[in-house]
Amino acid sequence: MLGALGISYAGFLAAFASSVVLARALGTEGKGTFSLFQTTVAMVTVAVSFGIGHGQMYHCGKDPSKLRHFLPNAVAIAVGLGGAAAVVFFAAGWLLRIRAVEQLGWRAGIAGALCIPTLMLINYQRQYFLITRRYALSKLNFAVTQLSPLVAVGAVAVVGTVTAERVIIAFVLSQLACLFAFQLLIAREDVDWWGSPSASFAREAFRFGIRQYLSDLCLTLTSRLDFFIVAWMLGRSALGIYSVAVGLAEVVSRFPSEIGGMLFPALASNDIRAGRAPAILRTTMFAAVVGAVALGLGSGPLVTLLYGTRFHESIVNFRWLLLGTVAWSSIFVTWNHTSARGRPGVGVVVFGAAAALDLALDLVLLPRIGVVGASIAATASYWLAATVFLQLFCRSERSSLRGAVVAQPSDLRWLHAQLADLFRRRPAVRQGAAGAE
């Protein structure tokens, strides 16, 4: 698992480098435009997924014979449903003069309509690798796709002037290249992507997934609704400032996010032994706190060095968001734990309440104190969701609050052993407090 995390972190570093290059090449307004595009296609991708991917993972974990239907169903859903929904969304956006769509322009809209089914298929690829326990391949898929913005900027710089619109188009083309590269890899394993989809499996996955879907949609709103509000109320330059702060703050939650992504199929398959989940949460929270403290201490010079003086306003936003992302880091374990235990619908209430709080605070704070209001609103909503899920987690695991979040010496010894073993390039140690066995 640590090897897979190493690959994923390499991808995250590539994405981070891309963010820095984009900010310097495009400025605040161009960075805001690109962030608005990414957030829009990601939101639509989640909205049209209906949680079927998670449903397929859940049922394949219970019955591995259903894996033969995973990819054929993925193609049918992504190309048919995702492609149609993408075209309808952008066409309606132009006709109804939705501000987010108008700000992107028609060329970026066409690129977005192509990007949405592509992102859906890439997500299905990752889920397929996760449910078949090939964590390294799943994270390699992530890492390669995270290189796309950097590749896009480089390609555009070679052929002409770097603009947000050109980078968006190059980004979508690079995502398509990643999709086909991993499709060829899967095809070598004699997996039939183009076989006959199973309607019964799709219905079964939908029945579980729709509960997960509503929760995931509310989760996405909690974490990204403020991008649209900032762009709407303050403009794309303000969004460029805010997106840089968010990108930096999310460094803190990267380790918990990766652990949570691998945790869901393991929990759904009952591969996690009793009592291991609190140890996993403690370890991930320790990593999040250490990361937040380190980044907070160097926040001013870090932002200026990486992004330049044009993004100086991001510093105060970044500091506020660090307070929230420490709490938010816990939900990648506690939420996946709740969902894999058969209660995905809980997220609708929890994330829905968090998104509503975020929206209300944005509307109150943004006109009064500017873009920093979005950081304060996000932090408040993160703490609300984290607190509720932590209580549910402790109740389910019969653990105290201290036992769930405060790292113990055995957790640190396990983490040290895993990292030492990884650097020696030997097989990862499978013993210890947070082993997902």
Protein backbone atom coordinates (compact mmCIF):
# COMPACT_ATOMS: atom_id res chain seq x y z
CA MET A 1 0.00 0.00 0.00
CA LEU A 2 2.86 2.38 0.78
CA GLY A 3 4.23 1.82 -2.73
CA ALA A 4 0.89 2.87 -4.18
CA LEU A 5 0.92 5.95 -1.98
CA GLY A 6 4.38 6.82 -3.24
CA ILE A 7 3.15 6.69 -6.84
CA SER A 8 0.14 8.78 -5.93
CA TYR A 9 2.28 11.40 -4.22
CA ALA A 10 4.42 11.62 -7.34
CA GLY A 11 1.25 12.42 -9.26
CA PHE A 12 0.21 14.95 -6.66
CA LEU A 13 3.59 16.66 -6.90
CA ALA A 14 3.12 16.81 -10.67
CA ALA A 15 -0.32 18.38 -10.18
CA PHE A 16 1.16 20.83 -7.69
CA ALA A 17 3.90 21.78 -10.14
CA SER A 18 1.21 22.22 -12.79
CA SER A 19 -0.69 24.59 -10.52
CA VAL A 20 2.42 26.70 -9.99
CA VAL A 21 3.24 26.81 -13.71
CA LEU A 22 -0.37 27.64 -14.61
CA ALA A 23 -0.52 30.45 -12.08
CA ARG A 24 2.70 32.02 -13.32
CA ALA A 25 1.84 31.55 -17.02
CA LEU A 26 -1.81 32.66 -16.88
CA GLY A 27 -1.99 35.12 -13.98
CA THR A 28 -4.87 35.41 -11.55
CA GLU A 29 -7.67 35.65 -14.13
CA GLY A 30 -6.35 32.87 -16.38
CA LYS A 31 -5.74 30.60 -13.38
CA GLY A 32 -9.28 31.34 -12.25
CA THR A 33 -10.66 30.41 -15.68
CA PHE A 34 -8.81 27.10 -15.72
CA SER A 35 -9.90 26.31 -12.15
CA LEU A 36 -13.49 27.14 -13.08
CA PHE A 37 -13.28 24.71 -16.01
CA GLN A 38 -11.84 21.91 -13.88
CA THR A 39 -14.41 22.45 -11.14
CA THR A 40 -17.31 22.59 -13.62
CA VAL A 41 -16.43 19.35 -15.43
CA ALA A 42 -15.69 17.61 -12.12
CA MET A 43 -19.05 18.70 -10.70
CA VAL A 44 -20.97 17.55 -13.77
CA THR A 45 -19.04 14.26 -13.80
CA VAL A 46 -20.14 13.57 -10.23
CA ALA A 47 -23.69 14.73 -10.96
CA VAL A 48 -24.21 12.27 -13.85
CA SER A 49 -22.43 9.29 -12.28
CA PHE A 50 -25.36 8.33 -10.00
CA GLY A 51 -22.86 6.50 -7.81
CA ILE A 52 -22.90 3.46 -10.09
CA GLY A 53 -19.12 3.09 -9.89
CA HIS A 54 -19.22 2.78 -6.10
CA GLY A 55 -22.15 0.43 -6.42
CA GLN A 56 -20.17 -1.78 -8.77
CA MET A 57 -17.19 -1.75 -6.41
CA TYR A 58 -19.39 -2.67 -3.47
CA HIS A 59 -21.06 -5.64 -5.17
CA CYS A 60 -17.86 -6.86 -6.83
CA GLY A 61 -16.30 -6.86 -3.38
CA LYS A 62 -19.09 -9.12 -2.20
CA ASP A 63 -19.13 -11.29 -5.35
CA PRO A 64 -15.93 -11.19 -7.49
CA SER A 65 -17.66 -13.07 -10.34
CA LYS A 66 -19.41 -9.82 -11.21
CA LEU A 67 -16.12 -8.22 -12.22
CA ARG A 68 -16.66 -9.37 -15.81
CA HIS A 69 -19.47 -6.81 -16.10
CA PHE A 70 -17.56 -3.91 -14.50
CA LEU A 71 -15.87 -2.41 -17.56
CA PRO A 72 -18.52 -3.11 -20.24
CA ASN A 73 -21.05 -1.34 -18.01
CA ALA A 74 -18.58 1.49 -17.45
CA VAL A 75 -18.25 2.17 -21.17
CA ALA A 76 -22.01 2.14 -21.73
CA ILE A 77 -22.71 4.48 -18.82
CA ALA A 78 -19.87 6.93 -19.45
CA VAL A 79 -20.30 7.23 -23.22
CA GLY A 80 -24.09 7.03 -23.30
CA LEU A 81 -25.25 8.76 -20.14
CA GLY A 82 -22.17 10.90 -19.50
CA GLY A 83 -21.80 12.09 -23.10
CA ALA A 84 -25.47 13.02 -23.44
CA ALA A 85 -25.56 14.81 -20.09
CA ALA A 86 -22.42 16.78 -20.95
CA VAL A 87 -23.87 18.05 -24.22
CA VAL A 88 -27.17 18.98 -22.56
CA PHE A 89 -25.41 20.80 -19.71
CA PHE A 90 -23.25 23.06 -21.88
CA ALA A 91 -25.99 23.66 -24.45
CA ALA A 92 -28.41 24.64 -21.69
CA GLY A 93 -25.72 26.82 -20.13
CA TRP A 94 -25.35 28.84 -23.32
CA LEU A 95 -29.10 29.09 -23.90
CA LEU A 96 -29.93 30.02 -20.31
CA ARG A 97 -26.87 32.28 -20.02
CA ILE A 98 -25.49 30.52 -16.95
CA ARG A 99 -22.61 32.68 -15.76
CA ALA A 100 -20.11 29.84 -15.18
CA VAL A 101 -20.61 28.54 -18.73
CA GLU A 102 -20.45 32.02 -20.28
CA GLN A 103 -17.21 32.77 -18.44
CA LEU A 104 -15.61 29.69 -20.02
CA GLY A 105 -16.53 30.48 -23.65
CA TRP A 106 -17.86 28.18 -26.37
CA ARG A 107 -14.56 26.47 -27.22
CA ALA A 108 -13.97 25.49 -23.61
CA GLY A 109 -17.61 24.37 -23.48
CA ILE A 110 -17.07 21.94 -26.37
CA ALA A 111 -13.88 20.71 -24.69
CA GLY A 112 -15.85 20.23 -21.47
CA ALA A 113 -18.53 18.19 -23.22
CA LEU A 114 -15.79 15.84 -24.41
CA CYS A 115 -13.98 15.86 -21.07
CA ILE A 116 -16.88 14.69 -18.91
CA PRO A 117 -17.34 11.16 -20.38
CA THR A 118 -13.55 10.88 -20.52
CA LEU A 119 -13.25 11.65 -16.80
CA MET A 120 -16.03 9.18 -16.04
CA LEU A 121 -14.16 6.39 -17.84
CA ILE A 122 -10.90 7.28 -16.11
CA ASN A 123 -12.67 7.09 -12.75
CA TYR A 124 -14.04 3.67 -13.67
CA GLN A 125 -10.51 2.54 -14.54
CA ARG A 126 -9.27 3.55 -11.10
CA GLN A 127 -12.19 1.83 -9.39
CA TYR A 128 -11.54 -1.35 -11.38
CA PHE A 129 -7.91 -1.38 -10.26
CA LEU A 130 -8.94 -0.72 -6.65
CA ILE A 131 -11.49 -3.52 -6.47
CA THR A 132 -8.96 -5.94 -7.99
CA ARG A 133 -6.46 -4.82 -5.28
CA ARG A 134 -3.99 -3.34 -7.76
CA TYR A 135 -3.53 -0.19 -5.78
CA ALA A 136 -0.31 0.79 -7.53
CA LEU A 137 -1.99 0.77 -10.95
CA SER A 138 -4.90 2.81 -9.63
CA LYS A 139 -2.53 5.41 -8.26
CA LEU A 140 -0.40 5.32 -11.40
CA ASN A 141 -3.55 6.18 -13.34
CA PHE A 142 -4.08 9.11 -10.99
CA ALA A 143 -0.45 10.19 -11.24
CA VAL A 144 -0.41 10.17 -15.04
CA THR A 145 -3.64 12.16 -15.33
CA GLN A 146 -2.30 14.70 -12.84
CA LEU A 147 0.52 15.41 -15.27
CA SER A 148 -2.03 16.61 -17.84
CA PRO A 149 -2.09 20.32 -16.94
CA LEU A 150 1.70 20.48 -17.00
CA VAL A 151 1.82 18.68 -20.34
CA ALA A 152 -0.90 20.99 -21.66
CA VAL A 153 0.99 24.15 -20.72
CA GLY A 154 4.18 22.81 -22.26
CA ALA A 155 2.46 21.81 -25.50
CA VAL A 156 0.76 25.18 -25.87
CA ALA A 157 3.99 27.05 -25.10
CA VAL A 158 5.75 25.14 -27.89
CA VAL A 159 3.19 26.02 -30.57
CA GLY A 160 2.15 29.52 -29.57
CA THR A 161 0.97 31.95 -26.89
CA VAL A 162 -0.21 30.40 -23.64
CA THR A 163 -3.86 31.28 -22.98
CA ALA A 164 -6.39 29.71 -20.65
CA GLU A 165 -8.56 28.54 -23.55
CA ARG A 166 -5.69 26.81 -25.35
CA VAL A 167 -4.49 25.15 -22.15
CA ILE A 168 -8.01 23.83 -21.50
CA ILE A 169 -8.18 22.25 -24.96
CA ALA A 170 -4.71 20.72 -24.61
CA PHE A 171 -5.65 19.47 -21.13
CA VAL A 172 -8.68 17.58 -22.47
CA LEU A 173 -6.62 16.02 -25.27
CA SER A 174 -4.03 14.85 -22.75
CA GLN A 175 -6.79 13.29 -20.60
CA LEU A 176 -7.98 11.37 -23.66
CA ALA A 177 -4.43 10.13 -24.25
CA CYS A 178 -4.26 8.89 -20.64
CA LEU A 179 -7.59 7.09 -21.02
CA PHE A 180 -6.52 5.20 -24.14
CA ALA A 181 -3.10 4.34 -22.70
CA PHE A 182 -4.67 2.62 -19.69
CA GLN A 183 -7.32 1.01 -21.88
CA LEU A 184 -4.53 -0.66 -23.85
CA LEU A 185 -2.96 -1.82 -20.57
CA ILE A 186 -6.24 -3.37 -19.46
CA ALA A 187 -6.81 -4.93 -22.90
CA ARG A 188 -3.50 -6.79 -22.54
CA GLU A 189 -5.07 -8.61 -19.59
CA ASP A 190 -7.82 -9.93 -21.89
CA VAL A 191 -10.44 -7.81 -20.17
CA ASP A 192 -13.25 -7.10 -22.61
CA TRP A 193 -14.16 -3.42 -22.41
CA TRP A 194 -16.61 -3.76 -25.25
CA GLY A 195 -18.52 -6.85 -24.08
CA SER A 196 -22.23 -6.88 -23.51
CA PRO A 197 -23.21 -4.76 -20.50
CA SER A 198 -25.30 -6.40 -17.78
CA ALA A 199 -28.56 -4.58 -17.13
CA SER A 200 -29.18 -6.57 -13.94
CA PHE A 201 -25.75 -5.67 -12.56
CA ALA A 202 -26.32 -2.03 -13.50
CA ARG A 203 -29.63 -2.02 -11.59
CA GLU A 204 -28.01 -3.69 -8.59
CA ALA A 205 -25.13 -1.21 -8.61
CA PHE A 206 -27.56 1.68 -9.04
CA ARG A 207 -29.63 0.66 -6.00
CA PHE A 208 -26.58 0.87 -3.77
CA GLY A 209 -24.87 3.64 -5.70
CA ILE A 210 -27.77 6.10 -5.71
CA ARG A 211 -27.47 6.45 -1.95
CA GLN A 212 -23.72 6.91 -2.31
CA TYR A 213 -24.30 9.27 -5.23
CA LEU A 214 -26.42 11.73 -3.30
CA SER A 215 -23.82 11.77 -0.56
CA ASP A 216 -20.95 12.23 -3.04
CA LEU A 217 -22.82 15.06 -4.74
CA CYS A 218 -23.28 16.82 -1.41
CA LEU A 219 -19.61 16.15 -0.59
CA THR A 220 -18.55 17.73 -3.88
CA LEU A 221 -20.77 20.72 -3.18
CA THR A 222 -19.19 21.08 0.26
CA SER A 223 -15.67 21.12 -1.17
CA ARG A 224 -16.23 23.02 -4.44
CA LEU A 225 -19.45 25.07 -4.29
CA ASP A 226 -17.46 28.05 -3.08
CA PHE A 227 -15.52 28.11 -6.39
CA PHE A 228 -18.73 28.99 -8.24
CA ILE A 229 -19.82 31.48 -5.60
CA VAL A 230 -16.46 33.28 -5.66
CA ALA A 231 -16.45 33.40 -9.48
CA TRP A 232 -20.04 34.66 -9.52
CA MET A 233 -19.68 37.31 -6.80
CA LEU A 234 -16.04 38.40 -7.11
CA GLY A 235 -14.90 37.33 -10.60
CA ARG A 236 -12.26 35.02 -12.07
CA SER A 237 -9.27 36.87 -10.63
CA ALA A 238 -10.59 36.33 -7.11
CA LEU A 239 -11.16 32.67 -7.97
CA GLY A 240 -7.54 32.46 -9.12
CA ILE A 241 -6.43 33.74 -5.70
CA TYR A 242 -8.75 31.34 -3.87
CA SER A 243 -7.90 28.29 -6.01
CA VAL A 244 -4.19 28.68 -5.24
CA ALA A 245 -4.96 28.71 -1.50
CA VAL A 246 -7.20 25.65 -1.81
CA GLY A 247 -4.60 23.75 -3.83
CA LEU A 248 -1.93 24.41 -1.21
CA ALA A 249 -4.21 23.53 1.71
CA GLU A 250 -5.22 20.24 0.11
CA VAL A 251 -1.62 19.07 0.46
CA VAL A 252 -2.57 18.37 4.08
CA SER A 253 -5.41 16.03 3.18
CA ARG A 254 -3.58 14.16 0.41
CA PHE A 255 -2.38 11.25 2.58
CA PRO A 256 -5.80 10.75 4.25
CA SER A 257 -7.49 10.99 0.83
CA GLU A 258 -5.34 8.24 -0.64
CA ILE A 259 -5.81 6.01 2.39
CA GLY A 260 -9.58 6.54 2.28
CA GLY A 261 -9.76 5.68 -1.42
CA MET A 262 -8.05 2.34 -0.81
CA LEU A 263 -9.98 1.74 2.40
CA PHE A 264 -13.46 1.54 0.87
CA PRO A 265 -13.05 -1.71 -1.12
CA ALA A 266 -11.11 -3.27 1.76
CA LEU A 267 -13.90 -2.46 4.22
CA ALA A 268 -16.61 -3.55 1.78
CA SER A 269 -14.85 -6.92 1.43
CA ASN A 270 -14.33 -7.23 5.22
CA ASP A 271 -10.55 -7.29 4.74
CA ILE A 272 -9.97 -4.86 7.62
CA ARG A 273 -9.64 -6.69 10.91
CA ALA A 274 -11.67 -5.56 13.92
CA GLY A 275 -10.04 -2.65 15.73
CA ARG A 276 -7.79 -1.61 12.82
CA ALA A 277 -9.92 1.31 11.59
CA PRO A 278 -9.21 3.62 14.59
CA ALA A 279 -5.48 2.97 14.17
CA ILE A 280 -5.72 3.94 10.49
CA LEU A 281 -7.57 7.14 11.42
CA ARG A 282 -5.02 8.03 14.10
CA THR A 283 -2.14 7.59 11.68
CA THR A 284 -3.73 9.67 8.94
CA MET A 285 -4.68 12.45 11.36
CA PHE A 286 -1.13 12.56 12.70
CA ALA A 287 0.18 13.01 9.16
CA ALA A 288 -2.38 15.76 8.50
CA VAL A 289 -1.51 17.72 11.65
CA VAL A 290 2.24 17.51 10.99
CA GLY A 291 1.70 18.67 7.41
CA ALA A 292 -0.54 21.57 8.47
CA VAL A 293 1.93 22.84 11.07
CA ALA A 294 4.84 22.68 8.63
CA LEU A 295 2.94 24.47 5.87
CA GLY A 296 1.48 27.04 8.24
CA LEU A 297 4.91 28.05 9.55
CA GLY A 298 6.22 28.65 6.04
CA SER A 299 3.02 29.90 4.42
CA GLY A 300 4.12 33.46 3.58
CA PRO A 301 7.46 32.74 1.89
CA LEU A 302 6.04 29.58 0.32
CA VAL A 303 3.21 31.32 -1.53
CA THR A 304 5.40 34.21 -2.68
CA LEU A 305 8.22 31.92 -3.82
CA LEU A 306 5.97 29.55 -5.74
CA TYR A 307 3.32 31.84 -7.21
CA GLY A 308 4.79 35.33 -7.13
CA THR A 309 3.57 38.58 -5.63
CA ARG A 310 0.39 38.58 -7.75
CA PHE A 311 -0.95 35.84 -5.46
CA HIS A 312 0.06 37.47 -2.17
CA GLU A 313 -3.60 37.63 -1.13
CA SER A 314 -3.69 33.82 -1.17
CA ILE A 315 -1.59 33.69 2.02
CA VAL A 316 -4.33 34.66 4.47
CA ASN A 317 -6.80 32.39 2.64
CA PHE A 318 -4.32 29.53 2.86
CA ARG A 319 -3.88 29.96 6.62
CA TRP A 320 -7.61 29.90 7.25
CA LEU A 321 -8.05 26.82 5.06
CA LEU A 322 -5.31 24.94 6.92
CA LEU A 323 -7.51 25.02 10.02
CA GLY A 324 -10.31 23.40 8.05
CA THR A 325 -8.36 20.84 6.07
CA VAL A 326 -6.98 19.22 9.24
CA ALA A 327 -10.56 18.42 10.24
CA TRP A 328 -11.56 17.58 6.66
CA SER A 329 -8.73 15.04 6.49
CA SER A 330 -10.57 12.80 8.95
CA ILE A 331 -13.63 12.36 6.72
CA PHE A 332 -11.69 10.37 4.12
CA VAL A 333 -11.49 7.57 6.68
CA THR A 334 -14.68 8.15 8.70
CA TRP A 335 -16.94 8.73 5.68
CA ASN A 336 -15.60 5.74 3.73
CA HIS A 337 -16.00 3.67 6.89
CA THR A 338 -19.65 4.71 7.22
CA SER A 339 -20.39 4.09 3.54
CA ALA A 340 -18.66 0.70 3.34
CA ARG A 341 -20.60 -0.44 6.39
CA GLY A 342 -23.77 -0.07 4.33
CA ARG A 343 -24.85 3.46 5.31
CA PRO A 344 -23.98 5.66 2.32
CA GLY A 345 -27.15 7.71 2.70
CA VAL A 346 -25.86 9.33 5.88
CA GLY A 347 -23.62 11.52 3.77
CA VAL A 348 -26.62 13.24 2.20
CA VAL A 349 -27.61 14.76 5.53
CA VAL A 350 -24.12 15.50 6.81
CA PHE A 351 -22.58 16.89 3.62
CA GLY A 352 -25.85 18.57 2.70
CA ALA A 353 -25.81 20.48 5.99
CA ALA A 354 -22.15 21.36 5.50
CA ALA A 355 -22.78 22.62 1.95
CA ALA A 356 -25.73 24.71 3.15
CA LEU A 357 -23.57 26.26 5.88
CA ASP A 358 -20.83 26.99 3.35
CA LEU A 359 -23.30 28.68 0.98
CA ALA A 360 -24.91 30.77 3.71
CA LEU A 361 -21.58 31.99 5.08
CA ASP A 362 -20.28 32.74 1.57
CA LEU A 363 -23.29 34.92 0.81
CA VAL A 364 -22.84 36.80 4.08
CA LEU A 365 -19.04 37.11 4.17
CA LEU A 366 -17.93 37.60 0.55
CA PRO A 367 -19.57 41.03 0.07
CA ARG A 368 -18.15 42.21 3.40
CA ILE A 369 -14.59 40.88 3.62
CA GLY A 370 -13.85 39.58 0.14
CA VAL A 371 -12.36 36.28 -0.90
CA VAL A 372 -11.07 35.41 2.58
CA GLY A 373 -14.72 34.94 3.51
CA ALA A 374 -14.79 31.83 1.31
CA SER A 375 -11.90 30.35 3.33
CA ILE A 376 -13.68 31.02 6.61
CA ALA A 377 -16.92 29.54 5.27
CA ALA A 378 -15.14 26.44 3.97
CA THR A 379 -13.36 25.91 7.29
CA ALA A 380 -16.64 26.09 9.22
CA SER A 381 -18.35 23.61 6.89
CA TYR A 382 -15.38 21.21 7.04
CA TRP A 383 -15.48 21.15 10.82
CA LEU A 384 -19.22 20.50 10.84
CA ALA A 385 -18.95 17.45 8.57
CA ALA A 386 -15.83 16.13 10.30
CA THR A 387 -17.36 16.36 13.77
CA VAL A 388 -20.51 14.46 12.84
CA PHE A 389 -18.70 11.66 10.97
CA LEU A 390 -16.18 11.31 13.77
CA GLN A 391 -18.98 10.75 16.25
CA LEU A 392 -20.53 8.09 14.00
CA PHE A 393 -17.14 6.44 13.55
CA CYS A 394 -16.44 6.30 17.29
CA ARG A 395 -19.87 4.85 17.96
CA SER A 396 -19.47 2.17 15.29
CA GLU A 397 -15.94 1.21 16.37
CA ARG A 398 -16.73 1.60 20.09
CA SER A 399 -13.78 3.91 20.39
CA SER A 400 -13.24 7.03 22.47
CA LEU A 401 -12.57 10.31 20.73
CA ARG A 402 -9.00 10.25 22.00
CA GLY A 403 -8.57 6.66 20.84
CA ALA A 404 -9.69 7.65 17.34
CA VAL A 405 -7.61 10.76 16.68
CA VAL A 406 -4.57 10.86 19.01
CA ALA A 407 -1.62 8.90 17.62
CA GLN A 408 -0.11 6.23 19.84
CA PRO A 409 3.54 5.10 19.93
CA SER A 410 2.60 1.89 18.09
CA ASP A 411 1.13 3.95 15.23
CA LEU A 412 4.32 5.97 14.87
CA ARG A 413 6.47 2.84 14.99
CA TRP A 414 4.35 1.30 12.24
CA LEU A 415 4.60 4.44 10.10
CA HIS A 416 8.36 4.63 10.60
CA ALA A 417 8.76 0.95 9.69
CA GLN A 418 6.66 1.34 6.55
CA LEU A 419 8.59 4.37 5.35
CA ALA A 420 11.96 2.80 6.13
CA ASP A 421 10.96 -0.36 4.28
CA LEU A 422 9.75 1.66 1.31
CA PHE A 423 13.02 3.55 1.00
CA ARG A 424 14.94 0.27 1.15
CA ARG A 425 12.73 -0.89 -1.77
CA ARG A 426 11.72 -4.05 0.01
CA PRO A 427 8.16 -5.36 0.26
CA ALA A 428 6.13 -3.27 2.63
CA VAL A 429 5.85 -4.38 6.24
CA ARG A 430 2.39 -5.76 6.83
CA GLN A 431 2.40 -5.64 10.61
CA GLY A 432 1.55 -2.81 12.88
CA ALA A 433 -1.21 -0.62 14.07
CA ALA A 434 -2.57 0.62 10.78
CA GLY A 435 -2.15 -2.44 8.58
CA ALA A 436 -5.16 -2.92 6.28
CA GLU A 437 -5.27 -6.69 6.64
